[in-house]
Amino acid sequence: MPATPEPDMRSPAARAATDIALLTAAVFIAAIIGIHSRPPGLLASVWVANAVALSVFVRWPRTFSAPAAVATLLALVTADLVSGTDVYAAVAFNVANIVGVLGGTLVIRRRHPEPMTLAGSADFARMCLGIVAAALLSTTVATLSSSRLGPHAPAVEALSWFGSELTSYLLIVPVLLSFRASTPRRRTGPASLRRLITGETAPIALTVLLMLAGLIVQGPLLLALPLPALLWCATRIPIFGTALLTALWSAWTLLFLGRGELQTGGLLGADGQDGASAVLSVALVALGPLLVAAVSLDRMAVQNKLREALEYDSLTGVLSRAAFLRRSQQRLDTLITDSRPVALLMLDLDHFKSINDTLGHAVGDIALVRSAACILGALPDDAIAGRMGGEEFAILLPHADQEDAASIADSIRRDHERLHVLSSRTATVSIGLAWTSYAPQSVSPLLVSADHALYDAKRRGRNTVVAVSLD
């Protein structure tokens, strides 16, 4: 069994202090990276510090507090000061940054105070609204403050600031909100070369190849070339992978574009409107794969619910008849190769019609649910249990010898003797057991033999186990 994590014995104040210290360190490092990536006299093309702070506030709401906001602002200002930025510019720009972060956090958490991860299109829409609000607020404050900045401070152009903020949020926030998030999983089958090629490997490899090709070809294709592969990734790999690939490509592109080291055929000018248009173009390219990935999560969630409805009996939680037969056959196929024994149990609740007729169908449903719980509680991990219809259940016991199978069957029978439907009524069970030392080619012989043994148990007075061997 996995080890149980030790409870956090620290006081709330100590936990809060630790959270703030970690947040401050992360924001400071992110700010330093952004400062050293920007060209002299200009704003950074990618400023990840704000996105880091916003992601922490919405994913771990306990960190969203006034002390944490002040600590974040101090980390931003300190990073600018140690990098030689003018004091007034450092304070004014970072006040704009923190206003945007707080505003975006409030928008995302409005009516949703719980921790947020990217688990579908609804979460993606909330995230987009929040980061647009953050970018607008930050741009507004920075623009209003820019008229008072000294001549040596970086110039602020509203569209450039907004584009840089929006792009940085779109690159970083999805990565941090999807990392180790609980999201719907795509169903996969046994590993094979074809599955490897058509699964996650091919779209990732194509994306990397087209990114490299874009850097070689340059020109307008620099922005558009990887988009088809990123969209393919969005439909095939987890959203974290799509977000990470999109972020890496966009950050790499923005870094080279900002330094003027790539030729884009006039797409990016030295500054002003051309530069802002290029940054916003990168943001829009990033938005497409992320949106497709979020919608794919919704589709997978619906598919998983439909699959669960087909695979499992909605009342008892065990496998449906069709799913039991399919999984049992798949398990037998592996047992045949290993020449291992197998047993199959058929179970039928005694006098179930009488329970329904005298106590009502609602009580009959209770009896089925409690019976299924008794069955599941007595089974080993590799057993397969299903409801065959009505009050009849079946269990496949791989690797079970005859004594083990009989012991499990009798344990289930005894548990049912203690099973009370109502205070004065118990529900016993009759069990037929079929066992063989070598797994058969099909599950049918086991089912037929176990079914005959079950009817024999009924004829013997019920509440008993009858076992037969196919050897």
Protein backbone atom coordinates (compact mmCIF):
# COMPACT_ATOMS: atom_id res chain seq x y z
CA MET A 1 0.00 0.00 0.00
CA PRO A 2 1.23 3.54 -0.73
CA ALA A 3 2.56 5.43 2.24
CA THR A 4 0.14 7.86 3.80
CA PRO A 5 1.52 11.42 3.67
CA GLU A 6 2.27 12.87 7.04
CA PRO A 7 -0.08 15.69 8.07
CA ASP A 8 1.27 19.23 8.00
CA MET A 9 1.81 20.05 11.68
CA ARG A 10 2.85 23.66 11.08
CA SER A 11 0.69 26.49 12.35
CA PRO A 12 -1.41 28.48 9.82
CA ALA A 13 0.95 31.44 10.28
CA ALA A 14 3.99 29.28 9.51
CA ARG A 15 2.31 27.83 6.41
CA ALA A 16 1.36 31.31 5.20
CA ALA A 17 4.90 32.57 5.73
CA THR A 18 6.32 29.64 3.78
CA ASP A 19 3.83 30.18 0.95
CA ILE A 20 4.71 33.87 0.72
CA ALA A 21 8.44 33.14 0.77
CA LEU A 22 8.13 30.60 -2.07
CA LEU A 23 5.89 32.94 -4.09
CA THR A 24 8.30 35.86 -3.60
CA ALA A 25 11.27 33.77 -4.72
CA ALA A 26 9.44 32.48 -7.81
CA VAL A 27 8.28 35.96 -8.84
CA PHE A 28 11.74 37.47 -8.26
CA ILE A 29 13.45 34.82 -10.41
CA ALA A 30 10.81 35.19 -13.14
CA ALA A 31 11.24 38.96 -13.11
CA ILE A 32 15.02 38.71 -13.40
CA ILE A 33 14.61 36.41 -16.42
CA GLY A 34 12.22 38.87 -18.03
CA ILE A 35 14.48 41.86 -17.37
CA HIS A 36 17.54 40.22 -18.92
CA SER A 37 15.57 39.10 -21.99
CA ARG A 38 14.47 42.60 -22.97
CA PRO A 39 16.44 44.79 -25.42
CA PRO A 40 18.09 47.93 -23.96
CA GLY A 41 15.60 50.76 -23.55
CA LEU A 42 12.60 48.61 -24.47
CA LEU A 43 10.05 46.49 -22.61
CA ALA A 44 10.43 42.72 -22.35
CA SER A 45 8.73 40.71 -25.10
CA VAL A 46 7.93 37.97 -22.57
CA TRP A 47 7.29 38.95 -18.93
CA VAL A 48 6.47 35.79 -17.03
CA ALA A 49 6.51 37.14 -13.47
CA ASN A 50 2.92 38.42 -13.58
CA ALA A 51 1.67 35.14 -15.02
CA VAL A 52 3.47 33.18 -12.29
CA ALA A 53 1.86 35.29 -9.55
CA LEU A 54 -1.64 35.08 -11.06
CA SER A 55 -1.35 31.31 -11.54
CA VAL A 56 -0.33 30.79 -7.93
CA PHE A 57 -3.17 32.96 -6.64
CA VAL A 58 -5.89 31.11 -8.59
CA ARG A 59 -4.53 27.57 -8.23
CA TRP A 60 -3.67 27.89 -4.54
CA PRO A 61 -6.23 30.39 -3.18
CA ARG A 62 -4.77 30.27 0.32
CA THR A 63 -1.87 32.34 -1.02
CA PHE A 64 -4.18 35.13 -2.21
CA SER A 65 -3.85 37.64 0.59
CA ALA A 66 -2.75 41.22 1.21
CA PRO A 67 0.67 40.19 2.58
CA ALA A 68 1.25 37.98 -0.47
CA ALA A 69 0.30 40.83 -2.81
CA VAL A 70 2.69 43.21 -1.03
CA ALA A 71 5.47 40.61 -1.10
CA THR A 72 4.89 40.08 -4.84
CA LEU A 73 5.14 43.82 -5.50
CA LEU A 74 8.35 44.06 -3.46
CA ALA A 75 9.85 41.13 -5.39
CA LEU A 76 9.05 42.82 -8.71
CA VAL A 77 10.45 46.18 -7.63
CA THR A 78 13.57 44.61 -6.14
CA ALA A 79 14.30 42.70 -9.35
CA ASP A 80 14.13 45.94 -11.33
CA LEU A 81 16.26 47.88 -8.86
CA VAL A 82 19.05 45.30 -8.71
CA SER A 83 19.05 45.33 -12.52
CA GLY A 84 19.64 49.10 -12.63
CA THR A 85 16.15 50.33 -13.47
CA ASP A 86 15.21 53.87 -12.46
CA VAL A 87 13.45 53.88 -9.06
CA TYR A 88 10.32 55.66 -10.25
CA ALA A 89 10.06 53.46 -13.34
CA ALA A 90 10.54 50.33 -11.23
CA VAL A 91 7.78 51.36 -8.83
CA ALA A 92 5.36 52.69 -11.46
CA PHE A 93 5.66 49.75 -13.85
CA ASN A 94 5.41 47.16 -11.11
CA VAL A 95 2.41 48.83 -9.51
CA ALA A 96 0.81 48.40 -12.94
CA ASN A 97 1.91 44.76 -12.92
CA ILE A 98 0.46 43.97 -9.49
CA VAL A 99 -2.80 45.82 -10.25
CA GLY A 100 -3.21 43.62 -13.31
CA VAL A 101 -2.40 40.45 -11.37
CA LEU A 102 -4.88 41.22 -8.59
CA GLY A 103 -7.60 42.30 -11.00
CA GLY A 104 -7.19 39.19 -13.15
CA THR A 105 -7.23 36.98 -10.07
CA LEU A 106 -10.47 38.53 -8.84
CA VAL A 107 -12.12 38.05 -12.23
CA ILE A 108 -11.11 34.38 -12.41
CA ARG A 109 -12.14 33.67 -8.79
CA ARG A 110 -15.47 35.51 -9.04
CA ARG A 111 -18.11 33.00 -7.88
CA HIS A 112 -15.40 30.31 -8.03
CA PRO A 113 -13.32 30.52 -4.84
CA GLU A 114 -12.13 26.91 -5.14
CA PRO A 115 -8.66 26.04 -6.53
CA MET A 116 -8.62 26.23 -10.31
CA THR A 117 -7.02 23.93 -12.85
CA LEU A 118 -7.66 23.66 -16.57
CA ALA A 119 -10.14 20.81 -16.85
CA GLY A 120 -12.28 21.97 -19.75
CA SER A 121 -13.52 24.84 -21.90
CA ALA A 122 -15.39 26.52 -19.02
CA ASP A 123 -12.15 26.82 -17.04
CA PHE A 124 -10.36 28.01 -20.17
CA ALA A 125 -12.99 30.74 -20.71
CA ARG A 126 -12.61 31.93 -17.10
CA MET A 127 -8.85 31.98 -17.52
CA CYS A 128 -9.06 34.00 -20.74
CA LEU A 129 -11.40 36.56 -19.19
CA GLY A 130 -9.06 36.91 -16.24
CA ILE A 131 -5.91 37.38 -18.28
CA VAL A 132 -7.58 39.88 -20.64
CA ALA A 133 -8.73 41.85 -17.58
CA ALA A 134 -5.23 41.63 -16.11
CA ALA A 135 -3.63 42.86 -19.34
CA LEU A 136 -6.13 45.75 -19.69
CA LEU A 137 -5.71 46.89 -16.10
CA SER A 138 -1.94 46.70 -16.26
CA THR A 139 -1.88 48.58 -19.58
CA THR A 140 -4.15 51.32 -18.25
CA VAL A 141 -2.06 51.95 -15.13
CA ALA A 142 1.24 51.79 -17.03
CA THR A 143 0.02 54.19 -19.71
CA LEU A 144 -1.23 56.70 -17.14
CA SER A 145 2.09 56.52 -15.30
CA SER A 146 4.31 56.73 -18.39
CA SER A 147 3.89 60.49 -18.84
CA ARG A 148 5.82 61.06 -15.60
CA LEU A 149 8.68 58.70 -16.35
CA GLY A 150 12.14 60.05 -17.03
CA PRO A 151 13.66 60.12 -20.52
CA HIS A 152 15.87 57.12 -19.75
CA ALA A 153 12.99 54.83 -18.82
CA PRO A 154 11.54 52.42 -21.38
CA ALA A 155 8.79 54.01 -23.46
CA VAL A 156 5.27 52.70 -22.94
CA GLU A 157 3.02 52.24 -25.96
CA ALA A 158 -0.41 50.95 -24.95
CA LEU A 159 -0.83 48.35 -27.69
CA SER A 160 2.70 47.01 -27.19
CA TRP A 161 2.25 46.71 -23.42
CA PHE A 162 -1.15 45.03 -23.80
CA GLY A 163 0.15 42.60 -26.44
CA SER A 164 3.18 41.67 -24.34
CA GLU A 165 1.06 41.14 -21.23
CA LEU A 166 -1.61 39.12 -23.02
CA THR A 167 0.97 36.92 -24.74
CA SER A 168 2.93 36.29 -21.56
CA TYR A 169 -0.21 35.30 -19.67
CA LEU A 170 -1.34 33.00 -22.49
CA LEU A 171 2.02 31.27 -22.56
CA ILE A 172 2.56 30.72 -18.84
CA VAL A 173 -0.82 30.51 -17.10
CA PRO A 174 -2.13 27.47 -19.07
CA VAL A 175 1.11 25.58 -18.35
CA LEU A 176 0.93 26.22 -14.60
CA LEU A 177 -2.82 25.56 -14.35
CA SER A 178 -2.62 22.28 -16.27
CA PHE A 179 0.51 20.85 -14.62
CA ARG A 180 -0.47 17.70 -12.71
CA ALA A 181 -4.12 18.70 -12.99
CA SER A 182 -6.91 16.13 -12.73
CA THR A 183 -8.28 16.04 -16.27
CA PRO A 184 -10.18 13.48 -18.37
CA ARG A 185 -7.88 10.86 -19.85
CA ARG A 186 -7.99 9.45 -23.36
CA ARG A 187 -8.56 5.71 -23.37
CA THR A 188 -5.52 3.79 -24.61
CA GLY A 189 -5.03 0.21 -25.58
CA PRO A 190 -2.01 -2.09 -25.52
CA ALA A 191 1.27 -0.50 -26.58
CA SER A 192 2.20 -1.05 -30.22
CA LEU A 193 4.30 0.60 -32.91
CA ARG A 194 1.20 1.81 -34.71
CA ARG A 195 -0.25 3.28 -31.49
CA LEU A 196 3.10 4.90 -30.74
CA ILE A 197 3.18 6.54 -34.17
CA THR A 198 -0.47 7.62 -34.27
CA GLY A 199 -0.68 8.50 -30.58
CA GLU A 200 1.40 11.17 -28.86
CA THR A 201 4.82 10.69 -30.46
CA ALA A 202 3.97 11.74 -34.02
CA PRO A 203 2.33 15.12 -33.28
CA ILE A 204 5.08 16.08 -30.81
CA ALA A 205 7.82 15.13 -33.28
CA LEU A 206 6.10 17.02 -36.10
CA THR A 207 5.71 20.09 -33.90
CA VAL A 208 9.40 20.15 -33.03
CA LEU A 209 10.33 19.60 -36.67
CA LEU A 210 8.15 22.47 -37.88
CA MET A 211 9.46 24.77 -35.14
CA LEU A 212 13.00 24.14 -36.36
CA ALA A 213 11.89 24.56 -39.96
CA GLY A 214 10.27 27.90 -39.09
CA LEU A 215 13.52 29.17 -37.63
CA ILE A 216 15.35 28.14 -40.81
CA VAL A 217 12.76 29.42 -43.29
CA GLN A 218 11.92 32.58 -41.28
CA GLY A 219 9.63 35.12 -42.91
CA PRO A 220 5.89 35.07 -42.16
CA LEU A 221 6.02 31.26 -42.01
CA LEU A 222 7.84 31.65 -38.71
CA LEU A 223 4.50 32.26 -36.98
CA ALA A 224 2.21 30.01 -39.02
CA LEU A 225 4.27 26.91 -39.79
CA PRO A 226 3.93 25.07 -36.43
CA LEU A 227 0.21 25.83 -36.06
CA PRO A 228 -1.16 22.66 -37.77
CA ALA A 229 1.11 20.44 -35.67
CA LEU A 230 0.16 22.30 -32.46
CA LEU A 231 -3.51 21.79 -33.31
CA TRP A 232 -2.83 18.09 -33.84
CA CYS A 233 -1.13 17.97 -30.44
CA ALA A 234 -4.19 19.61 -28.90
CA THR A 235 -6.32 16.66 -29.99
CA ARG A 236 -3.86 13.89 -29.10
CA ILE A 237 -1.81 14.75 -26.02
CA PRO A 238 -2.72 16.04 -22.53
CA ILE A 239 -3.44 19.77 -22.31
CA PHE A 240 -0.27 20.31 -20.26
CA GLY A 241 1.83 19.02 -23.16
CA THR A 242 0.02 21.26 -25.63
CA ALA A 243 0.41 24.28 -23.35
CA LEU A 244 4.10 23.57 -22.80
CA LEU A 245 4.89 23.13 -26.51
CA THR A 246 2.94 26.28 -27.36
CA ALA A 247 4.72 28.24 -24.66
CA LEU A 248 8.18 27.06 -25.72
CA TRP A 249 7.60 27.89 -29.36
CA SER A 250 6.04 31.29 -28.66
CA ALA A 251 8.69 32.32 -26.12
CA TRP A 252 11.48 31.26 -28.49
CA THR A 253 9.88 33.18 -31.36
CA LEU A 254 9.28 36.32 -29.32
CA LEU A 255 12.80 36.28 -27.94
CA PHE A 256 14.39 36.18 -31.39
CA LEU A 257 11.93 38.64 -32.85
CA GLY A 258 12.49 41.09 -30.02
CA ARG A 259 16.24 40.97 -30.53
CA GLY A 260 15.88 41.53 -34.26
CA GLU A 261 17.72 38.29 -35.02
CA LEU A 262 15.02 36.88 -37.28
CA GLN A 263 13.76 38.28 -40.57
CA THR A 264 9.97 38.22 -40.88
CA GLY A 265 9.43 39.88 -44.20
CA GLY A 266 8.29 43.14 -42.64
CA LEU A 267 6.00 41.45 -40.11
CA LEU A 268 7.95 42.97 -37.23
CA GLY A 269 9.30 46.48 -37.30
CA ALA A 270 11.74 48.06 -34.94
CA ASP A 271 9.05 49.19 -32.59
CA GLY A 272 5.54 50.62 -32.42
CA GLN A 273 2.54 49.19 -34.20
CA ASP A 274 4.50 46.59 -36.23
CA GLY A 275 6.06 45.11 -33.10
CA ALA A 276 2.75 45.10 -31.23
CA SER A 277 1.07 43.37 -34.18
CA ALA A 278 3.72 40.66 -34.20
CA VAL A 279 3.36 40.04 -30.46
CA LEU A 280 -0.43 39.85 -30.75
CA SER A 281 -0.03 37.48 -33.71
CA VAL A 282 1.96 35.13 -31.50
CA ALA A 283 -0.77 35.38 -28.83
CA LEU A 284 -3.47 34.46 -31.35
CA VAL A 285 -1.42 31.51 -32.63
CA ALA A 286 -1.05 30.34 -29.03
CA LEU A 287 -4.77 30.77 -28.37
CA GLY A 288 -5.84 28.33 -31.10
CA PRO A 289 -4.17 25.12 -29.85
CA LEU A 290 -5.05 25.91 -26.24
CA LEU A 291 -8.73 26.36 -27.09
CA VAL A 292 -8.80 23.13 -29.10
CA ALA A 293 -7.12 21.30 -26.21
CA ALA A 294 -9.70 22.66 -23.74
CA VAL A 295 -12.60 21.63 -25.97
CA SER A 296 -11.00 18.20 -26.39
CA LEU A 297 -11.10 17.80 -22.61
CA ASP A 298 -14.87 18.41 -22.70
CA ARG A 299 -15.26 15.82 -25.44
CA MET A 300 -13.18 13.27 -23.55
CA ALA A 301 -15.18 13.89 -20.37
CA VAL A 302 -18.43 13.18 -22.25
CA GLN A 303 -16.93 10.11 -23.89
CA ASN A 304 -15.72 8.81 -20.53
CA LYS A 305 -19.19 9.26 -19.03
CA LEU A 306 -20.79 7.44 -21.95
CA ARG A 307 -18.20 4.67 -21.72
CA GLU A 308 -18.78 4.36 -17.99
CA ALA A 309 -22.53 4.13 -18.56
CA LEU A 310 -21.93 1.27 -21.00
CA GLU A 311 -19.24 -0.47 -18.96
CA TYR A 312 -20.78 -0.35 -15.49
CA ASP A 313 -24.13 -1.18 -14.00
CA SER A 314 -25.53 2.14 -12.76
CA LEU A 315 -27.20 0.62 -9.68
CA THR A 316 -24.54 -1.67 -8.24
CA GLY A 317 -21.33 -0.23 -9.68
CA VAL A 318 -20.05 -3.58 -10.99
CA LEU A 319 -19.46 -4.26 -14.67
CA SER A 320 -22.39 -4.62 -17.02
CA ARG A 321 -22.99 -8.02 -18.65
CA ALA A 322 -21.36 -7.08 -21.97
CA ALA A 323 -18.34 -5.49 -20.26
CA PHE A 324 -17.90 -8.48 -17.95
CA LEU A 325 -17.94 -10.93 -20.84
CA ARG A 326 -15.49 -8.84 -22.87
CA ARG A 327 -13.03 -8.30 -20.03
CA SER A 328 -13.26 -11.92 -18.93
CA GLN A 329 -12.44 -13.09 -22.43
CA GLN A 330 -9.48 -10.70 -22.60
CA ARG A 331 -8.23 -12.01 -19.27
CA LEU A 332 -8.62 -15.61 -20.40
CA ASP A 333 -6.51 -14.89 -23.47
CA THR A 334 -3.58 -14.01 -21.20
CA LEU A 335 -4.17 -17.01 -18.93
CA ILE A 336 -4.15 -19.40 -21.89
CA THR A 337 -0.63 -18.27 -22.79
CA ASP A 338 0.59 -18.86 -19.22
CA SER A 339 -1.41 -22.11 -18.72
CA ARG A 340 -2.82 -20.81 -15.45
CA PRO A 341 -5.95 -21.96 -13.52
CA VAL A 342 -9.15 -19.94 -13.44
CA ALA A 343 -12.51 -20.08 -11.66
CA LEU A 344 -15.87 -18.50 -12.38
CA LEU A 345 -18.67 -17.94 -9.86
CA MET A 346 -22.34 -17.43 -10.65
CA LEU A 347 -24.35 -15.89 -7.80
CA ASP A 348 -28.08 -15.43 -7.40
CA LEU A 349 -29.86 -13.69 -4.51
CA ASP A 350 -32.30 -16.08 -2.82
CA HIS A 351 -36.00 -15.21 -2.82
CA PHE A 352 -35.34 -11.91 -4.54
CA LYS A 353 -38.78 -11.86 -6.17
CA SER A 354 -40.32 -12.19 -2.72
CA ILE A 355 -38.32 -9.19 -1.50
CA ASN A 356 -39.56 -7.13 -4.43
CA ASP A 357 -43.17 -8.27 -4.05
CA THR A 358 -43.45 -7.86 -0.28
CA LEU A 359 -41.11 -4.97 0.47
CA GLY A 360 -41.12 -3.08 -2.83
CA HIS A 361 -38.67 -2.53 -5.65
CA ALA A 362 -36.84 0.21 -3.75
CA VAL A 363 -35.92 -2.33 -1.07
CA GLY A 364 -34.97 -4.77 -3.81
CA ASP A 365 -32.57 -2.18 -5.18
CA ILE A 366 -31.07 -1.79 -1.71
CA ALA A 367 -30.56 -5.54 -1.56
CA LEU A 368 -28.74 -5.51 -4.91
CA VAL A 369 -26.49 -2.62 -3.89
CA ARG A 370 -25.57 -4.24 -0.58
CA SER A 371 -25.03 -7.59 -2.25
CA ALA A 372 -22.65 -6.02 -4.77
CA ALA A 373 -20.75 -4.38 -1.90
CA CYS A 374 -20.43 -7.77 -0.16
CA ILE A 375 -19.14 -9.34 -3.35
CA LEU A 376 -16.59 -6.63 -4.11
CA GLY A 377 -15.36 -6.59 -0.53
CA ALA A 378 -14.45 -10.28 -0.64
CA LEU A 379 -12.59 -10.32 -3.96
CA PRO A 380 -8.86 -10.14 -4.70
CA ASP A 381 -7.56 -7.25 -6.78
CA ASP A 382 -7.37 -9.18 -10.04
CA ALA A 383 -10.96 -10.48 -9.91
CA ILE A 384 -13.58 -9.32 -12.42
CA ALA A 385 -17.19 -8.90 -11.23
CA GLY A 386 -20.29 -8.11 -13.24
CA ARG A 387 -24.08 -8.07 -13.05
CA MET A 388 -25.50 -10.54 -15.52
CA GLY A 389 -29.08 -9.38 -15.14
CA GLY A 390 -31.72 -9.09 -12.43
CA GLU A 391 -30.36 -10.49 -9.18
CA GLU A 392 -27.62 -12.56 -10.84
CA PHE A 393 -23.88 -11.73 -10.62
CA ALA A 394 -20.76 -13.37 -12.06
CA ILE A 395 -17.13 -13.30 -10.91
CA LEU A 396 -13.99 -14.36 -12.75
CA LEU A 397 -11.08 -15.39 -10.49
CA PRO A 398 -7.81 -15.57 -12.46
CA HIS A 399 -4.99 -17.70 -11.03
CA ALA A 400 -7.30 -19.15 -8.35
CA ASP A 401 -6.87 -22.79 -7.42
CA GLN A 402 -9.92 -24.81 -6.44
CA GLU A 403 -9.50 -24.29 -2.70
CA ASP A 404 -9.02 -20.53 -3.00
CA ALA A 405 -12.07 -20.19 -5.24
CA ALA A 406 -14.21 -22.24 -2.84
CA SER A 407 -12.97 -20.18 0.10
CA ILE A 408 -13.88 -16.90 -1.63
CA ALA A 409 -17.30 -18.24 -2.59
CA ASP A 410 -18.04 -19.38 0.96
CA SER A 411 -16.85 -16.04 2.34
CA ILE A 412 -19.33 -14.24 0.08
CA ARG A 413 -22.09 -16.63 1.14
CA ARG A 414 -21.40 -16.05 4.86
CA ASP A 415 -21.30 -12.30 4.38
CA HIS A 416 -24.74 -12.45 2.80
CA GLU A 417 -26.09 -14.33 5.79
CA ARG A 418 -25.29 -11.24 7.83
CA LEU A 419 -26.67 -8.89 5.18
CA HIS A 420 -29.85 -7.19 6.39
CA VAL A 421 -32.12 -5.60 3.83
CA LEU A 422 -34.38 -4.35 6.60
CA SER A 423 -34.02 -4.96 10.33
CA SER A 424 -35.99 -8.20 10.14
CA ARG A 425 -35.07 -9.46 6.67
CA THR A 426 -31.80 -10.96 5.38
CA ALA A 427 -30.78 -11.71 1.78
CA THR A 428 -28.89 -14.96 1.31
CA VAL A 429 -27.17 -16.06 -1.87
CA SER A 430 -26.69 -19.29 -3.82
CA ILE A 431 -23.41 -19.75 -5.68
CA GLY A 432 -22.28 -22.00 -8.51
CA LEU A 433 -18.52 -22.43 -8.95
CA ALA A 434 -16.76 -23.72 -12.06
CA TRP A 435 -13.00 -24.29 -11.94
CA THR A 436 -10.33 -25.53 -14.32
CA SER A 437 -6.58 -25.91 -14.01
CA TYR A 438 -6.06 -24.63 -17.57
CA ALA A 439 -7.93 -21.61 -18.88
CA PRO A 440 -10.27 -22.51 -21.78
CA GLN A 441 -10.29 -20.74 -25.12
CA SER A 442 -13.65 -19.13 -24.37
CA VAL A 443 -15.47 -17.99 -21.26
CA SER A 444 -18.61 -19.86 -22.37
CA PRO A 445 -17.74 -23.30 -20.86
CA LEU A 446 -17.10 -21.68 -17.50
CA LEU A 447 -20.39 -19.76 -17.64
CA VAL A 448 -22.41 -22.82 -18.60
CA SER A 449 -20.83 -25.01 -15.92
CA ALA A 450 -21.15 -22.36 -13.21
CA ASP A 451 -24.77 -21.75 -14.20
CA HIS A 452 -25.60 -25.48 -13.90
CA ALA A 453 -23.88 -25.53 -10.49
CA LEU A 454 -25.92 -22.48 -9.41
CA TYR A 455 -29.22 -24.20 -10.24
CA ASP A 456 -27.99 -27.26 -8.38
CA ALA A 457 -27.37 -25.01 -5.35
CA LYS A 458 -30.93 -23.70 -5.65
CA ARG A 459 -32.30 -27.24 -5.73
CA ARG A 460 -30.34 -28.12 -2.60
CA GLY A 461 -32.16 -25.50 -0.59
CA ARG A 462 -30.33 -22.25 -1.43
CA ASN A 463 -27.74 -20.39 0.66
CA THR A 464 -25.07 -22.85 -0.40
CA VAL A 465 -22.10 -23.25 -2.74
CA VAL A 466 -21.88 -25.99 -5.36
CA ALA A 467 -18.54 -26.46 -7.12
CA VAL A 468 -17.71 -28.35 -10.33
CA SER A 469 -14.43 -28.98 -12.09
CA LEU A 470 -13.97 -28.84 -15.85
CA ASP A 471 -10.81 -31.01 -15.75
